[in-house]
Structures are given as structure tokens and as C-alpha cells.
Amino acid sequence: MEIDFPNLVLPKVTAMGTVSFQTTVDGEYLWCEISREALRDHFGALSMDANDLLHAFHTGRARIEQAARRNLESNGGRPVLLMMVDF
């Protein structure tokens, strides 16, 4: 399974307050998400404001992508929602 994080589309804050980011699995695009609680507790988001969530995402991007990769490998390449327990 080939997993990549192409950075072609900027991460965005969803209506549910998660940050959604693009990945490819075997050349197919899909979106993964990370919860606002994980961004607050593990990556230092100062508030639930979109700018704070995105800043925390970019600060922790390498670790977030590692966790996403682990989850994608274990679930057969389906979209994932990363939670606090994933870190």
C-alpha cells in the first residue's frame, strides 16, 4: 500500500471542528481528519478557533501524518478520524 500526503489542498477546519487533510492511498485521493481535542491536548491548540486548530495541525503535522499512516495501513486505506488515543 502506497500512502502519501501530497499537500496539494490546504487542510481545513470542518463544521464539526476537526481538521481535515488530504492523503493518497495507492494513487486515490481521500480525506483524513484529526479531532480538535487531539489538537488541543497533544499539539497545543490554544482554543477551538479555526486559526488555533490549523496552527496546531501545522506544528504537529509530521506526528499527525505518522499516526494517519499507521491507521490507514491497519484499516486497509479507508479514511480515518484521529483521536487523542492515536497519540
C-alpha atoms as a PDB file:
ATOM      1  CA  MET A   1       0.000   0.000   0.000  1.00  0.00           C
ATOM      2  CA  GLU A   2       1.449   3.361  -1.060  1.00  0.00           C
ATOM      3  CA  ILE A   3       0.452   6.242   1.234  1.00  0.00           C
ATOM      4  CA  ASP A   4       1.367   9.856   0.559  1.00  0.00           C
ATOM      5  CA  PHE A   5       0.427  13.278   1.904  1.00  0.00           C
ATOM      6  CA  PRO A   6       0.671  15.437  -1.243  1.00  0.00           C
ATOM      7  CA  ASN A   7      -0.093  18.881   0.270  1.00  0.00           C
ATOM      8  CA  LEU A   8      -1.978  19.935  -2.884  1.00  0.00           C
ATOM      9  CA  VAL A   9      -5.020  21.146  -0.942  1.00  0.00           C
ATOM     10  CA  LEU A  10      -4.638  23.045   2.318  1.00  0.00           C
ATOM     11  CA  PRO A  11      -6.017  21.424   5.471  1.00  0.00           C
ATOM     12  CA  LYS A  12      -9.358  22.880   6.520  1.00  0.00           C
ATOM     13  CA  VAL A  13     -11.487  23.078   9.643  1.00  0.00           C
ATOM     14  CA  THR A  14     -14.760  21.218   9.192  1.00  0.00           C
ATOM     15  CA  ALA A  15     -18.196  22.135  10.544  1.00  0.00           C
ATOM     16  CA  MET A  16     -17.612  19.559  13.314  1.00  0.00           C
ATOM     17  CA  GLY A  17     -14.400  21.305  14.425  1.00  0.00           C
ATOM     18  CA  THR A  18     -11.999  18.663  13.128  1.00  0.00           C
ATOM     19  CA  VAL A  19      -9.131  19.465  10.792  1.00  0.00           C
ATOM     20  CA  SER A  20      -9.407  17.609   7.508  1.00  0.00           C
ATOM     21  CA  PHE A  21      -6.304  16.891   5.429  1.00  0.00           C
ATOM     22  CA  GLN A  22      -5.725  15.182   2.108  1.00  0.00           C
ATOM     23  CA  THR A  23      -3.872  11.943   1.534  1.00  0.00           C
ATOM     24  CA  THR A  24      -3.489   9.424  -1.242  1.00  0.00           C
ATOM     25  CA  VAL A  25      -3.631   5.662  -0.886  1.00  0.00           C
ATOM     26  CA  ASP A  26      -2.414   3.775  -3.936  1.00  0.00           C
ATOM     27  CA  GLY A  27      -2.944   6.928  -6.002  1.00  0.00           C
ATOM     28  CA  GLU A  28      -6.537   7.525  -4.839  1.00  0.00           C
ATOM     29  CA  TYR A  29      -7.279  10.779  -3.018  1.00  0.00           C
ATOM     30  CA  LEU A  30      -9.106  10.708   0.298  1.00  0.00           C
ATOM     31  CA  TRP A  31      -9.534  12.914   3.342  1.00  0.00           C
ATOM     32  CA  CYS A  32      -8.469  12.128   6.889  1.00  0.00           C
ATOM     33  CA  GLU A  33      -9.326  14.166   9.981  1.00  0.00           C
ATOM     34  CA  ILE A  34      -7.954  14.905  13.414  1.00  0.00           C
ATOM     35  CA  SER A  35     -10.179  15.845  16.346  1.00  0.00           C
ATOM     36  CA  ARG A  36      -9.997  19.241  17.982  1.00  0.00           C
ATOM     37  CA  GLU A  37      -9.402  17.521  21.332  1.00  0.00           C
ATOM     38  CA  ALA A  38      -6.297  15.794  19.971  1.00  0.00           C
ATOM     39  CA  LEU A  39      -5.066  19.094  18.563  1.00  0.00           C
ATOM     40  CA  ARG A  40      -5.618  20.783  21.921  1.00  0.00           C
ATOM     41  CA  ASP A  41      -4.159  18.076  24.157  1.00  0.00           C
ATOM     42  CA  HIS A  42      -1.260  16.863  22.008  1.00  0.00           C
ATOM     43  CA  PHE A  43      -0.377  19.742  19.709  1.00  0.00           C
ATOM     44  CA  GLY A  44      -1.054  22.835  21.785  1.00  0.00           C
ATOM     45  CA  ALA A  45      -4.135  24.378  20.157  1.00  0.00           C
ATOM     46  CA  LEU A  46      -4.876  27.342  22.418  1.00  0.00           C
ATOM     47  CA  SER A  47      -8.604  27.385  21.629  1.00  0.00           C
ATOM     48  CA  MET A  48     -11.176  25.832  19.339  1.00  0.00           C
ATOM     49  CA  ASP A  49     -10.811  28.788  16.958  1.00  0.00           C
ATOM     50  CA  ALA A  50     -10.052  27.695  13.376  1.00  0.00           C
ATOM     51  CA  ASN A  51      -6.754  29.592  13.280  1.00  0.00           C
ATOM     52  CA  ASP A  52      -5.543  27.947  16.505  1.00  0.00           C
ATOM     53  CA  LEU A  53      -6.576  24.486  15.268  1.00  0.00           C
ATOM     54  CA  LEU A  54      -4.800  24.950  11.943  1.00  0.00           C
ATOM     55  CA  HIS A  55      -1.678  26.304  13.646  1.00  0.00           C
ATOM     56  CA  ALA A  56      -1.584  23.258  15.936  1.00  0.00           C
ATOM     57  CA  PHE A  57      -2.088  20.974  12.931  1.00  0.00           C
ATOM     58  CA  HIS A  58       0.840  22.505  11.050  1.00  0.00           C
ATOM     59  CA  THR A  59       3.024  22.411  14.169  1.00  0.00           C
ATOM     60  CA  GLY A  60       2.361  18.697  14.669  1.00  0.00           C
ATOM     61  CA  ARG A  61       1.983  17.704  11.034  1.00  0.00           C
ATOM     62  CA  ALA A  62       4.796  15.111  10.995  1.00  0.00           C
ATOM     63  CA  ARG A  63       3.380  13.227  14.011  1.00  0.00           C
ATOM     64  CA  ILE A  64      -0.172  13.563  12.681  1.00  0.00           C
ATOM     65  CA  GLU A  65       0.835  12.080   9.328  1.00  0.00           C
ATOM     66  CA  GLN A  66       2.650   9.215  11.097  1.00  0.00           C
ATOM     67  CA  ALA A  67      -0.500   8.395  13.059  1.00  0.00           C
ATOM     68  CA  ALA A  68      -2.636   8.658   9.926  1.00  0.00           C
ATOM     69  CA  ARG A  69      -0.262   6.321   8.086  1.00  0.00           C
ATOM     70  CA  ARG A  70      -0.468   3.713  10.874  1.00  0.00           C
ATOM     71  CA  ASN A  71      -4.263   3.868  10.850  1.00  0.00           C
ATOM     72  CA  LEU A  72      -4.508   3.735   7.054  1.00  0.00           C
ATOM     73  CA  GLU A  73      -2.223   0.700   6.957  1.00  0.00           C
ATOM     74  CA  SER A  74      -4.262  -1.104   9.594  1.00  0.00           C
ATOM     75  CA  ASN A  75      -7.708  -0.299   8.148  1.00  0.00           C
ATOM     76  CA  GLY A  76      -6.963  -1.091   4.503  1.00  0.00           C
ATOM     77  CA  GLY A  77      -6.715   2.518   3.327  1.00  0.00           C
ATOM     78  CA  ARG A  78     -10.085   3.886   4.397  1.00  0.00           C
ATOM     79  CA  PRO A  79     -10.396   7.490   5.709  1.00  0.00           C
ATOM     80  CA  VAL A  80      -9.559   7.912   9.376  1.00  0.00           C
ATOM     81  CA  LEU A  81     -10.508  10.246  12.195  1.00  0.00           C
ATOM     82  CA  LEU A  82      -7.536  10.603  14.516  1.00  0.00           C
ATOM     83  CA  MET A  83      -8.465  10.926  18.181  1.00  0.00           C
ATOM     84  CA  MET A  84      -6.488  11.589  21.371  1.00  0.00           C
ATOM     85  CA  VAL A  85      -5.751   7.858  21.814  1.00  0.00           C
ATOM     86  CA  ASP A  86      -3.899   7.774  18.481  1.00  0.00           C
ATOM     87  CA  PHE A  87      -1.031   9.778  20.002  1.00  0.00           C
END
